Amino acid sequence: DTITFNALISACEKGGKWVNALHLLSTMMQIEVACSTMTFSAAISACEKGSKWKKALQLVTMMAQTTIKSNTIACNAAISACEKCGEWERALEFFCAVMRNEMDTNTFNSAISACEKGRAWEKALQLFSVMPQSQVEFNTVTCNATISACEKAGRWEKALQLLKVMAQSRVELA
């Protein structure tokens, strides 16, 4: 049943077995076992861990074509999969597409990290600056990724400004 398959897909995700996770998802659909948000989230996370960004985005698209609602776990994993593969533009495209839905700090962290890896410091700063408007709090990871994006671009003055923001906001330095 759904619970058993979800547990198996989660186990594959944790074990880095994305192919097995996708095979289980496919089997569920073939034998008409109901899939859930958790089913897809675990499969998308497995693709993220396997650096399979295209598969992750395909699964999100597949979710959108059903009555199954995506969640922040699925969206964050898809953005992170793009980020890990250096597909920062795809990560930002997807981020913008999910902006209408619920987002959390991890969603922004994944998108900002993608910008950092893509040396898109201005985009990273842009994302950082919209967090308060989106009522999402930043944390140490957010600040470090944004500072690193600035540092890689030689924008040390922006990095110092962010350090001041961290201190004023009492965000822990790491």
N, C-alpha and C. Protein backbone atom coordinates (compact mmCIF):
# COMPACT_ATOMS: atom_id res chain seq x y z
N ASP A 1 0.83 -1.20 0.00
CA ASP A 1 0.00 0.00 0.00
C ASP A 1 0.87 1.26 0.00
N THR A 2 0.23 2.41 0.02
CA THR A 2 0.94 3.69 -0.07
C THR A 2 2.00 3.86 1.02
N ILE A 3 1.64 3.54 2.24
CA ILE A 3 2.58 3.71 3.37
C ILE A 3 3.83 2.86 3.18
N THR A 4 3.65 1.63 2.74
CA THR A 4 4.78 0.73 2.52
C THR A 4 5.68 1.25 1.41
N PHE A 5 5.06 1.64 0.29
CA PHE A 5 5.85 2.18 -0.82
C PHE A 5 6.58 3.46 -0.41
N ASN A 6 5.90 4.33 0.34
CA ASN A 6 6.55 5.57 0.80
C ASN A 6 7.77 5.26 1.65
N ALA A 7 7.63 4.27 2.53
CA ALA A 7 8.77 3.88 3.38
C ALA A 7 9.92 3.35 2.53
N LEU A 8 9.59 2.56 1.52
CA LEU A 8 10.63 2.01 0.64
C LEU A 8 11.31 3.12 -0.17
N ILE A 9 10.53 4.04 -0.71
CA ILE A 9 11.11 5.13 -1.49
C ILE A 9 11.97 6.02 -0.59
N SER A 10 11.52 6.27 0.63
CA SER A 10 12.32 7.05 1.58
C SER A 10 13.63 6.34 1.91
N ALA A 11 13.57 5.03 2.06
CA ALA A 11 14.78 4.26 2.34
C ALA A 11 15.76 4.36 1.17
N CYS A 12 15.23 4.29 -0.05
CA CYS A 12 16.08 4.43 -1.24
C CYS A 12 16.70 5.82 -1.28
N GLU A 13 15.90 6.83 -0.95
CA GLU A 13 16.40 8.21 -0.93
C GLU A 13 17.55 8.34 0.06
N LYS A 14 17.35 7.82 1.25
CA LYS A 14 18.39 7.92 2.28
C LYS A 14 19.64 7.13 1.90
N GLY A 15 19.45 6.06 1.14
CA GLY A 15 20.58 5.24 0.71
C GLY A 15 21.21 5.68 -0.60
N GLY A 16 20.70 6.78 -1.17
CA GLY A 16 21.25 7.30 -2.41
C GLY A 16 20.91 6.46 -3.63
N LYS A 17 19.83 5.72 -3.55
CA LYS A 17 19.42 4.82 -4.64
C LYS A 17 18.27 5.44 -5.43
N TRP A 18 18.57 6.49 -6.19
CA TRP A 18 17.52 7.20 -6.91
C TRP A 18 16.85 6.35 -7.98
N VAL A 19 17.61 5.46 -8.64
CA VAL A 19 17.02 4.60 -9.67
C VAL A 19 15.96 3.69 -9.04
N ASN A 20 16.29 3.12 -7.89
CA ASN A 20 15.34 2.25 -7.20
C ASN A 20 14.10 3.02 -6.76
N ALA A 21 14.32 4.25 -6.28
CA ALA A 21 13.19 5.08 -5.84
C ALA A 21 12.25 5.35 -7.01
N LEU A 22 12.80 5.68 -8.16
CA LEU A 22 11.96 5.95 -9.33
C LEU A 22 11.28 4.69 -9.84
N HIS A 23 11.96 3.57 -9.72
CA HIS A 23 11.35 2.29 -10.12
C HIS A 23 10.14 1.98 -9.22
N LEU A 24 10.30 2.22 -7.93
CA LEU A 24 9.19 1.99 -7.00
C LEU A 24 8.02 2.92 -7.30
N LEU A 25 8.32 4.18 -7.59
CA LEU A 25 7.27 5.14 -7.95
C LEU A 25 6.53 4.68 -9.21
N SER A 26 7.28 4.23 -10.19
CA SER A 26 6.70 3.74 -11.43
C SER A 26 5.82 2.51 -11.18
N THR A 27 6.30 1.63 -10.32
CA THR A 27 5.53 0.44 -9.96
C THR A 27 4.22 0.82 -9.29
N MET A 28 4.30 1.78 -8.39
CA MET A 28 3.08 2.26 -7.71
C MET A 28 2.02 2.69 -8.73
N MET A 29 2.48 3.44 -9.72
CA MET A 29 1.55 3.96 -10.72
C MET A 29 1.00 2.83 -11.58
N GLN A 30 1.86 1.88 -11.93
CA GLN A 30 1.42 0.76 -12.77
C GLN A 30 0.38 -0.12 -12.09
N ILE A 31 0.57 -0.36 -10.79
CA ILE A 31 -0.38 -1.23 -10.09
C ILE A 31 -1.45 -0.42 -9.37
N GLU A 32 -1.48 0.88 -9.67
CA GLU A 32 -2.52 1.80 -9.19
C GLU A 32 -2.62 1.91 -7.67
N VAL A 33 -1.44 1.98 -7.05
CA VAL A 33 -1.38 2.31 -5.62
C VAL A 33 -1.35 3.83 -5.55
N ALA A 34 -2.17 4.40 -4.70
CA ALA A 34 -2.28 5.86 -4.61
C ALA A 34 -0.95 6.48 -4.18
N CYS A 35 -0.52 7.47 -4.96
CA CYS A 35 0.68 8.24 -4.62
C CYS A 35 0.25 9.43 -3.78
N SER A 36 1.16 9.93 -2.97
CA SER A 36 0.87 11.07 -2.11
C SER A 36 1.97 12.12 -2.27
N THR A 37 1.77 13.23 -1.61
CA THR A 37 2.81 14.27 -1.59
C THR A 37 4.11 13.68 -1.04
N MET A 38 3.99 12.86 -0.02
CA MET A 38 5.17 12.24 0.59
C MET A 38 5.88 11.33 -0.41
N THR A 39 5.12 10.59 -1.22
CA THR A 39 5.70 9.70 -2.22
C THR A 39 6.60 10.49 -3.17
N PHE A 40 6.02 11.56 -3.73
CA PHE A 40 6.77 12.37 -4.68
C PHE A 40 7.92 13.11 -4.02
N SER A 41 7.70 13.63 -2.82
CA SER A 41 8.77 14.35 -2.11
C SER A 41 9.98 13.46 -1.89
N ALA A 42 9.73 12.22 -1.49
CA ALA A 42 10.84 11.29 -1.26
C ALA A 42 11.55 10.94 -2.56
N ALA A 43 10.79 10.76 -3.64
CA ALA A 43 11.40 10.45 -4.94
C ALA A 43 12.21 11.64 -5.46
N ILE A 44 11.68 12.84 -5.29
CA ILE A 44 12.39 14.05 -5.72
C ILE A 44 13.66 14.22 -4.89
N SER A 45 13.58 13.97 -3.60
CA SER A 45 14.77 14.05 -2.74
C SER A 45 15.81 13.02 -3.15
N ALA A 46 15.36 11.84 -3.57
CA ALA A 46 16.29 10.81 -4.05
C ALA A 46 17.01 11.31 -5.30
N CYS A 47 16.27 11.97 -6.20
CA CYS A 47 16.89 12.53 -7.41
C CYS A 47 17.88 13.63 -7.05
N GLU A 48 17.52 14.43 -6.05
CA GLU A 48 18.44 15.48 -5.59
C GLU A 48 19.74 14.87 -5.10
N LYS A 49 19.64 13.85 -4.27
CA LYS A 49 20.85 13.21 -3.73
C LYS A 49 21.67 12.55 -4.84
N GLY A 50 21.00 12.12 -5.90
CA GLY A 50 21.68 11.51 -7.02
C GLY A 50 22.11 12.50 -8.09
N SER A 51 21.94 13.80 -7.80
CA SER A 51 22.28 14.89 -8.73
C SER A 51 21.57 14.73 -10.07
N LYS A 52 20.31 14.34 -10.02
CA LYS A 52 19.50 14.15 -11.23
C LYS A 52 18.46 15.26 -11.30
N TRP A 53 18.91 16.47 -11.66
CA TRP A 53 18.04 17.62 -11.64
C TRP A 53 16.90 17.52 -12.65
N LYS A 54 17.17 16.97 -13.83
CA LYS A 54 16.11 16.84 -14.83
C LYS A 54 15.00 15.93 -14.34
N LYS A 55 15.38 14.82 -13.74
CA LYS A 55 14.39 13.88 -13.19
C LYS A 55 13.59 14.54 -12.08
N ALA A 56 14.27 15.30 -11.23
CA ALA A 56 13.58 15.98 -10.13
C ALA A 56 12.53 16.93 -10.66
N LEU A 57 12.89 17.73 -11.67
CA LEU A 57 11.94 18.67 -12.25
C LEU A 57 10.82 17.94 -12.98
N GLN A 58 11.13 16.81 -13.61
CA GLN A 58 10.08 16.01 -14.26
C GLN A 58 9.05 15.52 -13.23
N LEU A 59 9.54 15.11 -12.08
CA LEU A 59 8.63 14.63 -11.04
C LEU A 59 7.75 15.75 -10.51
N VAL A 60 8.31 16.95 -10.37
CA VAL A 60 7.51 18.09 -9.92
C VAL A 60 6.42 18.40 -10.96
N THR A 61 6.80 18.34 -12.23
CA THR A 61 5.84 18.55 -13.31
C THR A 61 4.76 17.48 -13.28
N MET A 62 5.17 16.24 -13.05
CA MET A 62 4.22 15.14 -12.96
C MET A 62 3.24 15.38 -11.80
N MET A 63 3.77 15.86 -10.69
CA MET A 63 2.91 16.18 -9.54
C MET A 63 1.86 17.21 -9.91
N ALA A 64 2.30 18.24 -10.64
CA ALA A 64 1.41 19.33 -11.02
C ALA A 64 0.29 18.83 -11.94
N GLN A 65 0.53 17.75 -12.65
CA GLN A 65 -0.47 17.20 -13.57
C GLN A 65 -1.47 16.30 -12.87
N THR A 66 -1.27 16.09 -11.58
CA THR A 66 -2.19 15.26 -10.79
C THR A 66 -2.89 16.15 -9.77
N THR A 67 -3.65 15.53 -8.93
CA THR A 67 -4.30 16.27 -7.84
C THR A 67 -3.41 16.35 -6.61
N ILE A 68 -2.21 15.79 -6.72
CA ILE A 68 -1.28 15.77 -5.59
C ILE A 68 -0.62 17.14 -5.47
N LYS A 69 -0.73 17.72 -4.31
CA LYS A 69 -0.18 19.05 -4.07
C LYS A 69 1.30 18.95 -3.68
N SER A 70 2.12 19.79 -4.30
CA SER A 70 3.54 19.79 -3.93
C SER A 70 3.70 20.50 -2.59
N ASN A 71 4.84 20.29 -1.97
CA ASN A 71 5.13 20.95 -0.70
C ASN A 71 6.54 21.54 -0.75
N THR A 72 6.91 22.21 0.31
CA THR A 72 8.23 22.85 0.33
C THR A 72 9.35 21.82 0.25
N ILE A 73 9.15 20.63 0.79
CA ILE A 73 10.20 19.60 0.73
C ILE A 73 10.49 19.24 -0.72
N ALA A 74 9.43 19.01 -1.50
CA ALA A 74 9.60 18.66 -2.91
C ALA A 74 10.23 19.81 -3.69
N CYS A 75 9.74 21.02 -3.46
CA CYS A 75 10.27 22.19 -4.17
C CYS A 75 11.73 22.45 -3.80
N ASN A 76 12.04 22.39 -2.52
CA ASN A 76 13.42 22.62 -2.07
C ASN A 76 14.37 21.58 -2.66
N ALA A 77 13.92 20.32 -2.69
CA ALA A 77 14.77 19.26 -3.24
C ALA A 77 15.02 19.47 -4.72
N ALA A 78 14.00 19.91 -5.46
CA ALA A 78 14.17 20.17 -6.89
C ALA A 78 15.14 21.32 -7.13
N ILE A 79 15.00 22.40 -6.36
CA ILE A 79 15.92 23.54 -6.49
C ILE A 79 17.34 23.10 -6.12
N SER A 80 17.46 22.35 -5.06
CA SER A 80 18.77 21.88 -4.61
C SER A 80 19.41 20.95 -5.64
N ALA A 81 18.61 20.12 -6.29
CA ALA A 81 19.15 19.23 -7.33
C ALA A 81 19.75 20.05 -8.47
N CYS A 82 19.05 21.11 -8.86
CA CYS A 82 19.57 22.00 -9.91
C CYS A 82 20.86 22.67 -9.44
N GLU A 83 20.84 23.14 -8.21
CA GLU A 83 22.01 23.83 -7.64
C GLU A 83 23.23 22.92 -7.61
N LYS A 84 23.05 21.68 -7.18
CA LYS A 84 24.16 20.74 -7.08
C LYS A 84 24.78 20.42 -8.43
N CYS A 85 23.99 20.55 -9.50
CA CYS A 85 24.49 20.23 -10.83
C CYS A 85 24.93 21.47 -11.60
N GLY A 86 25.01 22.61 -10.91
CA GLY A 86 25.47 23.83 -11.55
C GLY A 86 24.42 24.45 -12.47
N GLU A 87 23.19 24.04 -12.32
CA GLU A 87 22.10 24.56 -13.15
C GLU A 87 21.39 25.70 -12.42
N TRP A 88 22.15 26.77 -12.15
CA TRP A 88 21.60 27.84 -11.33
C TRP A 88 20.45 28.57 -12.03
N GLU A 89 20.51 28.66 -13.37
CA GLU A 89 19.40 29.32 -14.08
C GLU A 89 18.12 28.52 -13.92
N ARG A 90 18.23 27.19 -14.04
CA ARG A 90 17.06 26.32 -13.87
C ARG A 90 16.53 26.42 -12.43
N ALA A 91 17.45 26.49 -11.48
CA ALA A 91 17.05 26.62 -10.08
C ALA A 91 16.24 27.90 -9.89
N LEU A 92 16.72 29.00 -10.48
CA LEU A 92 16.01 30.28 -10.35
C LEU A 92 14.68 30.26 -11.08
N GLU A 93 14.64 29.65 -12.26
CA GLU A 93 13.37 29.53 -12.99
C GLU A 93 12.33 28.79 -12.14
N PHE A 94 12.78 27.69 -11.56
CA PHE A 94 11.86 26.91 -10.75
C PHE A 94 11.48 27.68 -9.49
N PHE A 95 12.45 28.34 -8.88
CA PHE A 95 12.18 29.16 -7.70
C PHE A 95 11.09 30.19 -8.00
N CYS A 96 11.23 30.87 -9.13
CA CYS A 96 10.23 31.88 -9.52
C CYS A 96 8.88 31.25 -9.78
N ALA A 97 8.88 30.05 -10.32
CA ALA A 97 7.62 29.35 -10.59
C ALA A 97 6.90 28.96 -9.30
N VAL A 98 7.66 28.66 -8.24
CA VAL A 98 7.02 28.24 -6.99
C VAL A 98 6.81 29.39 -6.02
N MET A 99 7.19 30.61 -6.43
CA MET A 99 7.06 31.75 -5.51
C MET A 99 5.62 31.99 -5.08
N ARG A 100 4.67 31.52 -5.85
CA ARG A 100 3.26 31.69 -5.49
C ARG A 100 2.88 30.76 -4.34
N ASN A 101 3.62 29.70 -4.19
CA ASN A 101 3.33 28.71 -3.15
C ASN A 101 4.10 29.04 -1.87
N GLU A 102 3.93 28.19 -0.91
CA GLU A 102 4.66 28.38 0.35
C GLU A 102 6.15 28.16 0.13
N MET A 103 6.94 29.04 0.70
CA MET A 103 8.39 28.91 0.66
C MET A 103 8.90 29.09 2.08
N ASP A 104 10.06 28.53 2.31
CA ASP A 104 10.66 28.69 3.62
C ASP A 104 12.12 29.11 3.45
N THR A 105 12.81 29.20 4.55
CA THR A 105 14.22 29.60 4.54
C THR A 105 15.03 28.67 3.65
N ASN A 106 14.76 27.38 3.72
CA ASN A 106 15.52 26.41 2.91
C ASN A 106 15.31 26.63 1.42
N THR A 107 14.11 27.06 1.02
CA THR A 107 13.85 27.35 -0.39
C THR A 107 14.78 28.46 -0.86
N PHE A 108 14.84 29.54 -0.08
CA PHE A 108 15.74 30.65 -0.42
C PHE A 108 17.19 30.21 -0.35
N ASN A 109 17.55 29.43 0.67
CA ASN A 109 18.93 28.98 0.80
C ASN A 109 19.38 28.20 -0.44
N SER A 110 18.51 27.31 -0.92
CA SER A 110 18.85 26.52 -2.11
C SER A 110 19.03 27.42 -3.33
N ALA A 111 18.13 28.37 -3.49
CA ALA A 111 18.21 29.28 -4.65
C ALA A 111 19.44 30.18 -4.56
N ILE A 112 19.72 30.70 -3.38
CA ILE A 112 20.90 31.57 -3.20
C ILE A 112 22.19 30.77 -3.39
N SER A 113 22.22 29.54 -2.90
CA SER A 113 23.40 28.68 -3.11
C SER A 113 23.61 28.39 -4.59
N ALA A 114 22.51 28.22 -5.32
CA ALA A 114 22.62 28.02 -6.77
C ALA A 114 23.24 29.25 -7.44
N CYS A 115 22.80 30.43 -7.00
CA CYS A 115 23.37 31.68 -7.54
C CYS A 115 24.85 31.79 -7.19
N GLU A 116 25.18 31.42 -5.98
CA GLU A 116 26.58 31.47 -5.55
C GLU A 116 27.44 30.58 -6.44
N LYS A 117 26.98 29.35 -6.68
CA LYS A 117 27.75 28.43 -7.52
C LYS A 117 27.81 28.91 -8.97
N GLY A 118 26.78 29.62 -9.40
CA GLY A 118 26.75 30.15 -10.76
C GLY A 118 27.39 31.52 -10.88
N ARG A 119 27.98 31.98 -9.79
CA ARG A 119 28.63 33.30 -9.76
C ARG A 119 27.67 34.43 -10.13
N ALA A 120 26.43 34.26 -9.73
CA ALA A 120 25.40 35.27 -9.99
C ALA A 120 25.13 36.04 -8.70
N TRP A 121 26.11 36.83 -8.29
CA TRP A 121 26.06 37.51 -6.99
C TRP A 121 24.89 38.49 -6.91
N GLU A 122 24.58 39.16 -8.02
CA GLU A 122 23.48 40.13 -7.99
C GLU A 122 22.14 39.44 -7.74
N LYS A 123 21.95 38.26 -8.36
CA LYS A 123 20.73 37.48 -8.15
C LYS A 123 20.66 37.00 -6.70
N ALA A 124 21.81 36.59 -6.16
CA ALA A 124 21.85 36.15 -4.77
C ALA A 124 21.42 37.28 -3.83
N LEU A 125 21.96 38.47 -4.07
CA LEU A 125 21.58 39.64 -3.26
C LEU A 125 20.10 39.99 -3.43
N GLN A 126 19.61 39.86 -4.64
CA GLN A 126 18.20 40.13 -4.91
C GLN A 126 17.31 39.18 -4.09
N LEU A 127 17.65 37.91 -4.12
CA LEU A 127 16.87 36.93 -3.36
C LEU A 127 16.94 37.23 -1.87
N PHE A 128 18.15 37.53 -1.40
CA PHE A 128 18.33 37.85 0.01
C PHE A 128 17.46 39.05 0.41
N SER A 129 17.40 40.05 -0.46
CA SER A 129 16.66 41.27 -0.13
C SER A 129 15.14 41.09 -0.14
N VAL A 130 14.63 40.10 -0.88
CA VAL A 130 13.17 39.89 -0.90
C VAL A 130 12.68 38.98 0.23
N MET A 131 13.59 38.39 0.95
CA MET A 131 13.19 37.49 2.04
C MET A 131 12.29 38.18 3.08
N PRO A 132 12.65 39.37 3.58
CA PRO A 132 11.77 40.01 4.56
C PRO A 132 10.38 40.31 4.00
N GLN A 133 10.31 40.74 2.72
CA GLN A 133 9.01 41.00 2.09
C GLN A 133 8.19 39.73 1.97
N SER A 134 8.86 38.61 1.80
CA SER A 134 8.19 37.31 1.69
C SER A 134 7.90 36.70 3.06
N GLN A 135 8.23 37.45 4.10
CA GLN A 135 8.06 37.02 5.49
C GLN A 135 8.78 35.70 5.78
N VAL A 136 9.99 35.62 5.22
CA VAL A 136 10.85 34.46 5.45
C VAL A 136 12.11 34.97 6.12
N GLU A 137 12.47 34.35 7.24
CA GLU A 137 13.67 34.76 7.97
C GLU A 137 14.91 34.15 7.36
N PHE A 138 16.00 34.92 7.35
CA PHE A 138 17.26 34.36 6.90
C PHE A 138 18.01 33.79 8.09
N ASN A 139 18.96 32.92 7.79
CA ASN A 139 19.76 32.30 8.85
C ASN A 139 21.23 32.33 8.45
N THR A 140 22.06 31.64 9.21
CA THR A 140 23.50 31.62 8.95
C THR A 140 23.81 31.09 7.56
N VAL A 141 23.10 30.04 7.15
CA VAL A 141 23.33 29.45 5.82
C VAL A 141 23.02 30.47 4.72
N THR A 142 21.90 31.17 4.88
CA THR A 142 21.51 32.19 3.90
C THR A 142 22.60 33.25 3.78
N CYS A 143 23.02 33.77 4.91
CA CYS A 143 24.04 34.83 4.91
C CYS A 143 25.36 34.34 4.35
N ASN A 144 25.78 33.16 4.76
CA ASN A 144 27.06 32.63 4.28
C ASN A 144 27.05 32.43 2.76
N ALA A 145 25.96 31.91 2.23
CA ALA A 145 25.87 31.68 0.78
C ALA A 145 25.87 33.02 0.03
N THR A 146 25.17 34.01 0.57
CA THR A 146 25.11 35.32 -0.08
C THR A 146 26.47 36.01 0.00
N ILE A 147 27.11 35.95 1.16
CA ILE A 147 28.45 36.53 1.32
C ILE A 147 29.44 35.83 0.38
N SER A 148 29.35 34.52 0.29
CA SER A 148 30.25 33.77 -0.59
C SER A 148 30.04 34.15 -2.05
N ALA A 149 28.78 34.37 -2.46
CA ALA A 149 28.50 34.81 -3.83
C ALA A 149 29.18 36.15 -4.11
N CYS A 150 29.10 37.06 -3.14
CA CYS A 150 29.74 38.37 -3.29
C CYS A 150 31.26 38.24 -3.32
N GLU A 151 31.77 37.41 -2.45
CA GLU A 151 33.22 37.21 -2.35
C GLU A 151 33.78 36.65 -3.66
N LYS A 152 33.09 35.67 -4.25
CA LYS A 152 33.56 35.07 -5.50
C LYS A 152 33.56 36.07 -6.65
N ALA A 153 32.72 37.07 -6.55
CA ALA A 153 32.66 38.10 -7.60
C ALA A 153 33.56 39.29 -7.29
N GLY A 154 34.30 39.21 -6.19
CA GLY A 154 35.18 40.31 -5.80
C GLY A 154 34.42 41.51 -5.25
N ARG A 155 33.22 41.30 -4.76
CA ARG A 155 32.38 42.37 -4.21
C ARG A 155 32.49 42.37 -2.68
N TRP A 156 33.70 42.64 -2.21
CA TRP A 156 33.98 42.58 -0.78
C TRP A 156 33.16 43.59 0.01
N GLU A 157 32.87 44.77 -0.59
CA GLU A 157 32.10 45.78 0.15
C GLU A 157 30.67 45.29 0.42
N LYS A 158 30.09 44.54 -0.55
CA LYS A 158 28.76 43.96 -0.35
C LYS A 158 28.81 42.87 0.72
N ALA A 159 29.89 42.10 0.69
CA ALA A 159 30.06 41.05 1.70
C ALA A 159 30.15 41.65 3.10
N LEU A 160 30.87 42.77 3.24
CA LEU A 160 30.97 43.45 4.54
C LEU A 160 29.62 44.00 4.99
N GLN A 161 28.83 44.51 4.04
CA GLN A 161 27.48 45.00 4.37
C GLN A 161 26.62 43.86 4.91
N LEU A 162 26.74 42.70 4.30
CA LEU A 162 25.98 41.54 4.75
C LEU A 162 26.42 41.10 6.15
N LEU A 163 27.71 41.21 6.40
CA LEU A 163 28.23 40.88 7.72
C LEU A 163 27.60 41.80 8.78
N LYS A 164 27.44 43.07 8.44
CA LYS A 164 26.80 44.02 9.35
C LYS A 164 25.33 43.65 9.57
N VAL A 165 24.65 43.26 8.49
CA VAL A 165 23.26 42.83 8.60
C VAL A 165 23.15 41.62 9.52
N MET A 166 24.08 40.69 9.39
CA MET A 166 24.09 39.51 10.26
C MET A 166 24.24 39.92 11.72
N ALA A 167 25.17 40.83 11.98
CA ALA A 167 25.41 41.26 13.35
C ALA A 167 24.19 41.98 13.91
N GLN A 168 23.58 42.87 13.11
CA GLN A 168 22.39 43.61 13.56
C GLN A 168 21.21 42.68 13.81
N SER A 169 21.13 41.63 13.01
CA SER A 169 20.01 40.68 13.14
C SER A 169 20.29 39.56 14.14
N ARG A 170 21.49 39.62 14.70
CA ARG A 170 21.93 38.62 15.67
C ARG A 170 21.93 37.20 15.09
N VAL A 171 22.31 37.13 13.80
CA VAL A 171 22.47 35.83 13.15
C VAL A 171 23.86 35.33 13.52
N GLU A 172 23.94 34.10 13.95
CA GLU A 172 25.19 33.53 14.41
C GLU A 172 26.21 33.43 13.28
N LEU A 173 27.42 33.86 13.55
CA LEU A 173 28.51 33.72 12.59
C LEU A 173 29.03 32.29 12.64
N ALA A 174 29.23 31.72 11.48
CA ALA A 174 29.74 30.33 11.47
C ALA A 174 30.91 30.22 10.53
